[in-house]
N, C-alpha and C. Protein backbone atom coordinates (compact mmCIF):
# COMPACT_ATOMS: atom_id res chain seq x y z
N UNK A 1 -75.74 35.65 -69.41
CA UNK A 1 -74.17 37.17 -68.69
C UNK A 1 -73.65 37.66 -70.40
N UNK A 2 -72.47 38.57 -69.82
CA UNK A 2 -72.44 39.53 -70.99
C UNK A 2 -70.88 40.33 -70.53
N UNK A 3 -70.53 40.92 -71.52
CA UNK A 3 -69.35 41.44 -71.48
C UNK A 3 -68.87 42.34 -70.98
N UNK A 4 -70.20 43.07 -69.83
CA UNK A 4 -69.79 43.92 -68.99
C UNK A 4 -70.20 43.50 -67.55
N UNK A 5 -70.44 41.91 -67.21
CA UNK A 5 -69.93 41.01 -66.45
C UNK A 5 -68.40 40.52 -66.46
N UNK A 6 -68.01 40.22 -67.45
CA UNK A 6 -67.04 39.80 -67.66
C UNK A 6 -65.61 41.10 -67.47
N UNK A 7 -66.22 42.24 -67.35
CA UNK A 7 -65.42 43.15 -67.54
C UNK A 7 -65.95 43.92 -66.17
N UNK A 8 -66.85 43.63 -64.90
CA UNK A 8 -66.56 43.85 -63.78
C UNK A 8 -65.93 42.82 -62.84
N UNK A 9 -66.12 41.79 -63.53
CA UNK A 9 -65.54 40.57 -62.29
C UNK A 9 -64.07 40.89 -62.45
N UNK A 10 -63.33 41.35 -63.84
CA UNK A 10 -62.18 41.50 -63.78
C UNK A 10 -61.83 42.77 -62.97
N UNK A 11 -62.56 43.72 -62.84
CA UNK A 11 -62.66 45.14 -61.73
C UNK A 11 -62.49 44.70 -60.47
N UNK A 12 -63.00 44.14 -60.11
CA UNK A 12 -63.34 43.14 -58.72
C UNK A 12 -62.11 41.87 -58.63
N UNK A 13 -61.43 41.60 -59.43
CA UNK A 13 -60.64 40.63 -59.44
C UNK A 13 -59.45 41.60 -59.12
N UNK A 14 -58.82 42.73 -60.03
CA UNK A 14 -58.22 43.77 -59.93
C UNK A 14 -57.75 43.96 -59.07
N UNK A 15 -59.05 44.07 -57.62
CA UNK A 15 -59.22 44.80 -56.31
C UNK A 15 -58.49 43.75 -55.25
N UNK A 16 -58.75 42.43 -55.99
CA UNK A 16 -57.98 41.62 -54.94
C UNK A 16 -56.37 42.24 -54.52
N UNK A 17 -55.88 42.26 -55.73
CA UNK A 17 -54.44 42.63 -55.31
C UNK A 17 -54.13 43.13 -54.43
N UNK A 18 -54.84 44.21 -54.12
CA UNK A 18 -54.65 44.52 -52.97
C UNK A 18 -54.58 46.49 -53.32
N UNK A 19 -53.86 46.23 -55.03
CA UNK A 19 -53.92 47.58 -55.59
C UNK A 19 -55.20 48.62 -56.02
N UNK A 20 -55.45 49.73 -56.40
CA UNK A 20 -56.56 50.13 -56.31
C UNK A 20 -56.67 50.99 -58.18
N UNK A 21 -55.43 51.41 -58.84
CA UNK A 21 -54.95 51.96 -60.24
C UNK A 21 -55.56 50.86 -61.08
N UNK A 22 -55.86 51.32 -62.00
CA UNK A 22 -56.59 50.98 -63.76
C UNK A 22 -56.39 51.33 -64.48
N UNK A 23 -55.95 51.09 -65.29
CA UNK A 23 -55.44 51.82 -66.75
C UNK A 23 -56.40 51.04 -67.83
N UNK A 24 -57.17 52.10 -68.68
CA UNK A 24 -57.77 51.44 -69.92
C UNK A 24 -57.59 52.51 -70.97
N UNK A 25 -58.44 52.42 -71.81
CA UNK A 25 -57.92 53.40 -73.68
C UNK A 25 -59.34 54.31 -73.69
N UNK A 26 -59.11 55.28 -73.95
CA UNK A 26 -59.87 56.47 -74.91
C UNK A 26 -60.73 55.51 -75.47
N UNK A 27 -61.90 55.84 -75.95
CA UNK A 27 -62.81 55.06 -76.84
C UNK A 27 -63.21 54.11 -76.32
N UNK A 28 -62.78 53.69 -75.54
CA UNK A 28 -63.34 51.95 -75.17
C UNK A 28 -64.02 52.33 -74.58
N UNK A 29 -65.15 50.52 -75.02
CA UNK A 29 -66.47 50.51 -74.22
C UNK A 29 -66.48 49.23 -73.39
N UNK A 30 -66.86 48.80 -72.47
CA UNK A 30 -66.45 47.62 -71.29
C UNK A 30 -67.72 47.71 -70.94
N UNK A 31 -68.79 48.02 -71.03
CA UNK A 31 -70.48 47.93 -70.50
C UNK A 31 -70.56 49.20 -69.67
N UNK A 32 -72.03 49.14 -69.29
CA UNK A 32 -72.59 50.20 -68.14
C UNK A 32 -73.08 49.60 -66.93
N UNK A 33 -72.46 48.72 -66.18
CA UNK A 33 -72.25 48.07 -65.22
C UNK A 33 -71.53 49.50 -64.18
N UNK A 34 -72.02 49.75 -63.01
CA UNK A 34 -70.91 50.94 -62.49
C UNK A 34 -69.07 51.00 -62.93
N UNK A 35 -68.73 49.40 -62.42
CA UNK A 35 -67.22 49.39 -63.10
C UNK A 35 -66.65 49.16 -63.94
N UNK A 36 -67.67 48.53 -65.14
CA UNK A 36 -66.95 48.51 -66.47
C UNK A 36 -67.74 49.98 -67.47
N UNK A 37 -68.19 50.89 -66.64
CA UNK A 37 -68.92 52.25 -67.13
C UNK A 37 -67.19 53.01 -66.42
N UNK A 38 -66.42 52.34 -65.49
CA UNK A 38 -65.72 53.37 -65.15
C UNK A 38 -64.66 52.94 -65.76
N UNK A 39 -64.32 51.86 -66.20
CA UNK A 39 -63.22 51.46 -67.11
C UNK A 39 -63.73 52.04 -69.02
N UNK A 40 -64.79 52.29 -68.91
CA UNK A 40 -64.94 53.08 -70.55
C UNK A 40 -65.07 54.30 -70.63
N UNK A 41 -63.62 54.52 -71.86
CA UNK A 41 -63.16 55.22 -72.45
C UNK A 41 -64.31 56.67 -72.80
N UNK A 42 -65.59 56.63 -72.65
CA UNK A 42 -66.10 58.01 -73.27
C UNK A 42 -67.16 58.69 -72.20
N UNK A 43 -66.79 59.64 -72.00
CA UNK A 43 -66.70 60.54 -71.22
C UNK A 43 -68.80 61.18 -71.03
N UNK A 44 -68.92 60.65 -72.26
CA UNK A 44 -70.42 61.41 -72.71
C UNK A 44 -71.24 60.00 -72.05
N UNK A 45 -71.07 58.95 -72.11
CA UNK A 45 -71.70 57.70 -71.40
C UNK A 45 -71.58 57.97 -69.79
N UNK A 46 -70.17 58.25 -69.08
CA UNK A 46 -69.89 58.24 -67.77
C UNK A 46 -70.62 58.98 -67.29
N UNK A 47 -70.57 60.69 -67.49
CA UNK A 47 -70.95 61.97 -67.34
C UNK A 47 -71.95 61.76 -65.88
N UNK A 48 -73.41 61.05 -66.47
CA UNK A 48 -74.41 61.20 -65.67
C UNK A 48 -74.46 60.16 -64.55
N UNK A 49 -73.29 59.37 -64.57
CA UNK A 49 -73.23 58.33 -63.08
C UNK A 49 -72.01 58.93 -62.15
N UNK A 50 -71.66 59.68 -62.97
CA UNK A 50 -70.20 60.44 -61.91
C UNK A 50 -70.75 60.61 -60.36
N UNK A 51 -69.75 60.37 -59.30
CA UNK A 51 -68.48 59.81 -59.66
C UNK A 51 -68.34 58.50 -59.30
N UNK A 52 -67.41 58.01 -60.64
CA UNK A 52 -67.35 56.55 -61.05
C UNK A 52 -66.63 55.41 -59.74
N UNK A 53 -66.50 54.46 -59.81
CA UNK A 53 -65.82 54.01 -58.85
C UNK A 53 -64.47 53.58 -59.24
N UNK A 54 -63.20 53.58 -58.69
CA UNK A 54 -62.78 53.24 -59.15
C UNK A 54 -61.04 54.23 -59.32
N UNK A 55 -59.86 54.22 -59.41
CA UNK A 55 -58.75 54.78 -59.97
C UNK A 55 -58.47 54.53 -61.34
N UNK A 56 -58.92 55.14 -62.15
CA UNK A 56 -59.12 54.49 -63.94
C UNK A 56 -58.00 55.79 -64.21
N UNK A 57 -56.96 55.36 -65.36
CA UNK A 57 -56.11 56.35 -66.38
C UNK A 57 -57.14 56.48 -67.32
N UNK A 58 -57.07 56.85 -68.10
CA UNK A 58 -58.00 56.68 -69.82
C UNK A 58 -56.28 57.17 -70.47
N UNK A 59 -55.97 55.95 -71.69
CA UNK A 59 -54.80 56.41 -72.00
C UNK A 59 -55.54 56.52 -73.58
N UNK A 60 -54.78 57.67 -74.11
CA UNK A 60 -55.30 57.06 -76.08
C UNK A 60 -54.79 55.64 -76.56
N UNK A 61 -55.72 55.15 -77.03
CA UNK A 61 -55.70 53.59 -77.80
C UNK A 61 -54.65 53.51 -78.99
N UNK A 62 -53.91 52.77 -78.79
CA UNK A 62 -52.57 52.86 -79.92
C UNK A 62 -51.11 53.53 -79.28
N UNK A 63 -51.53 54.01 -77.94
CA UNK A 63 -50.17 55.22 -77.91
C UNK A 63 -49.14 54.08 -77.08
N UNK A 64 -48.33 53.37 -77.20
CA UNK A 64 -47.78 52.76 -76.15
C UNK A 64 -46.82 53.48 -75.24
N UNK A 65 -46.10 54.58 -75.82
CA UNK A 65 -45.47 55.39 -74.80
C UNK A 65 -46.37 56.02 -73.21
N UNK A 66 -47.63 56.38 -73.55
CA UNK A 66 -48.72 56.69 -72.72
C UNK A 66 -49.29 55.60 -72.26
N UNK A 67 -49.05 54.21 -72.48
CA UNK A 67 -49.42 53.17 -71.83
C UNK A 67 -48.45 52.94 -70.77
N UNK A 68 -47.23 52.64 -71.30
CA UNK A 68 -46.25 52.80 -70.22
C UNK A 68 -45.74 53.93 -69.36
N UNK A 69 -46.50 55.18 -69.20
CA UNK A 69 -46.17 55.72 -68.64
C UNK A 69 -47.57 55.89 -67.11
N UNK A 70 -48.92 55.35 -67.62
CA UNK A 70 -49.74 55.26 -67.07
C UNK A 70 -49.48 53.81 -65.77
N UNK A 71 -48.82 53.09 -66.26
CA UNK A 71 -48.98 51.74 -65.47
C UNK A 71 -47.57 52.45 -64.36
N UNK A 72 -48.04 51.72 -63.16
CA UNK A 72 -47.26 52.25 -62.07
C UNK A 72 -47.05 50.65 -61.22
N UNK A 73 -46.49 50.85 -60.17
CA UNK A 73 -46.59 49.43 -59.87
C UNK A 73 -47.70 49.40 -58.44
N UNK A 74 -48.98 50.60 -58.54
CA UNK A 74 -50.14 50.74 -57.95
C UNK A 74 -51.43 50.25 -58.96
N UNK A 75 -50.56 50.01 -60.14
CA UNK A 75 -51.50 49.29 -61.01
C UNK A 75 -52.13 47.79 -61.21
N UNK A 76 -53.71 47.68 -61.01
CA UNK A 76 -54.24 46.39 -60.76
C UNK A 76 -54.43 45.55 -61.49
N UNK A 77 -54.62 46.64 -63.05
CA UNK A 77 -55.59 45.57 -64.28
C UNK A 77 -54.99 47.18 -65.00
N UNK A 78 -55.23 46.09 -66.58
CA UNK A 78 -55.09 47.36 -67.80
C UNK A 78 -55.90 46.05 -68.52
N UNK A 79 -57.08 47.32 -69.26
CA UNK A 79 -57.94 47.00 -69.81
C UNK A 79 -57.66 47.44 -71.09
N UNK A 80 -58.22 46.59 -72.49
CA UNK A 80 -57.78 46.95 -74.08
C UNK A 80 -58.26 45.90 -74.64
N UNK A 81 -59.25 46.74 -75.28
CA UNK A 81 -60.25 45.91 -76.60
C UNK A 81 -58.81 45.84 -77.70
N UNK A 82 -58.52 44.16 -78.29
CA UNK A 82 -57.87 43.96 -79.37
C UNK A 82 -58.44 44.61 -80.44
N UNK A 83 -59.32 45.42 -80.69
CA UNK A 83 -59.68 46.00 -81.74
C UNK A 83 -61.41 46.45 -81.13
N UNK A 84 -61.52 48.39 -81.40
CA UNK A 84 -62.34 48.95 -80.73
C UNK A 84 -63.46 49.11 -81.61
N UNK A 85 -64.76 48.48 -81.00
CA UNK A 85 -66.00 48.46 -82.02
C UNK A 85 -66.39 49.49 -82.19
N UNK A 86 -67.17 49.98 -80.67
CA UNK A 86 -67.93 50.44 -80.91
C UNK A 86 -67.52 52.33 -80.62
N UNK A 87 -66.70 52.29 -80.76
CA UNK A 87 -65.96 54.03 -81.37
C UNK A 87 -65.39 54.10 -82.86
N UNK A 88 -66.22 53.10 -83.56
CA UNK A 88 -65.87 52.67 -84.87
C UNK A 88 -64.97 51.57 -84.97
N UNK A 89 -64.54 51.27 -86.03
CA UNK A 89 -63.82 50.20 -86.20
C UNK A 89 -62.59 50.48 -86.19
N UNK A 90 -61.78 50.28 -84.69
CA UNK A 90 -60.48 50.78 -84.81
C UNK A 90 -59.72 50.08 -84.08
N UNK A 91 -58.04 49.84 -85.48
CA UNK A 91 -57.27 48.80 -85.01
C UNK A 91 -56.32 49.28 -84.58
N UNK A 92 -55.17 48.38 -83.64
CA UNK A 92 -54.58 49.51 -83.30
C UNK A 92 -53.23 49.19 -84.24
N UNK A 93 -52.12 49.90 -84.13
CA UNK A 93 -50.91 49.96 -84.96
C UNK A 93 -50.30 48.69 -84.73
N UNK A 94 -50.04 48.90 -85.63
CA UNK A 94 -48.48 47.05 -85.78
C UNK A 94 -47.93 47.04 -84.50
N UNK A 95 -47.96 46.23 -83.68
CA UNK A 95 -47.00 46.33 -82.74
C UNK A 95 -47.39 46.33 -81.23
N UNK A 96 -48.76 47.14 -81.35
CA UNK A 96 -49.55 47.62 -80.25
C UNK A 96 -49.64 46.34 -79.25
N UNK A 97 -49.96 45.53 -79.23
CA UNK A 97 -50.96 44.79 -78.35
C UNK A 97 -49.90 43.60 -77.76
N UNK A 98 -48.95 43.33 -79.03
CA UNK A 98 -47.61 42.63 -78.06
C UNK A 98 -46.94 43.47 -76.86
N UNK A 99 -47.15 45.27 -77.46
CA UNK A 99 -46.12 45.90 -76.59
C UNK A 99 -46.84 46.32 -75.02
N UNK A 100 -48.15 46.09 -75.83
CA UNK A 100 -48.93 46.44 -73.90
C UNK A 100 -48.72 45.43 -73.29
N UNK A 101 -48.58 43.69 -73.88
CA UNK A 101 -48.29 42.60 -73.02
C UNK A 101 -47.06 42.59 -72.59
N UNK A 102 -46.01 43.36 -72.75
CA UNK A 102 -44.93 42.96 -72.29
C UNK A 102 -45.00 44.61 -71.02
N UNK A 103 -45.79 45.14 -71.23
CA UNK A 103 -46.05 46.17 -69.95
C UNK A 103 -46.09 45.47 -68.50
C-alpha cells in the first residue's frame, strides 16, 4: 500500500459528501494515480494525463488567505502536507497548519 492509495481513498471519501470541489497546494505531491495526481500541485507531472478528475483548486503553500478564499460550501476535501518533501523541504510558516485546521 502507498501514499497514493491513501490519497486516492481520501479523494473518493470526499466525493461521498456529495460535494465535488477540492483544495490542494501548489508544489504538493500526492501520488501518480489519477485522483492523487489531480491533487498534486505540479503541472509538469499532470500535463501528460489531462484532463484529470475532479474540480481541484491549487493555492500557494503557506498562504492562509488564499486557502480561506478557495474553501467554499462546495469543498469536500482540503489536502495539505505538513511539510512538503518532493518540492524541496518546505516548512510551512508558523501558524499555517493551525489556521488551515480552523478553516
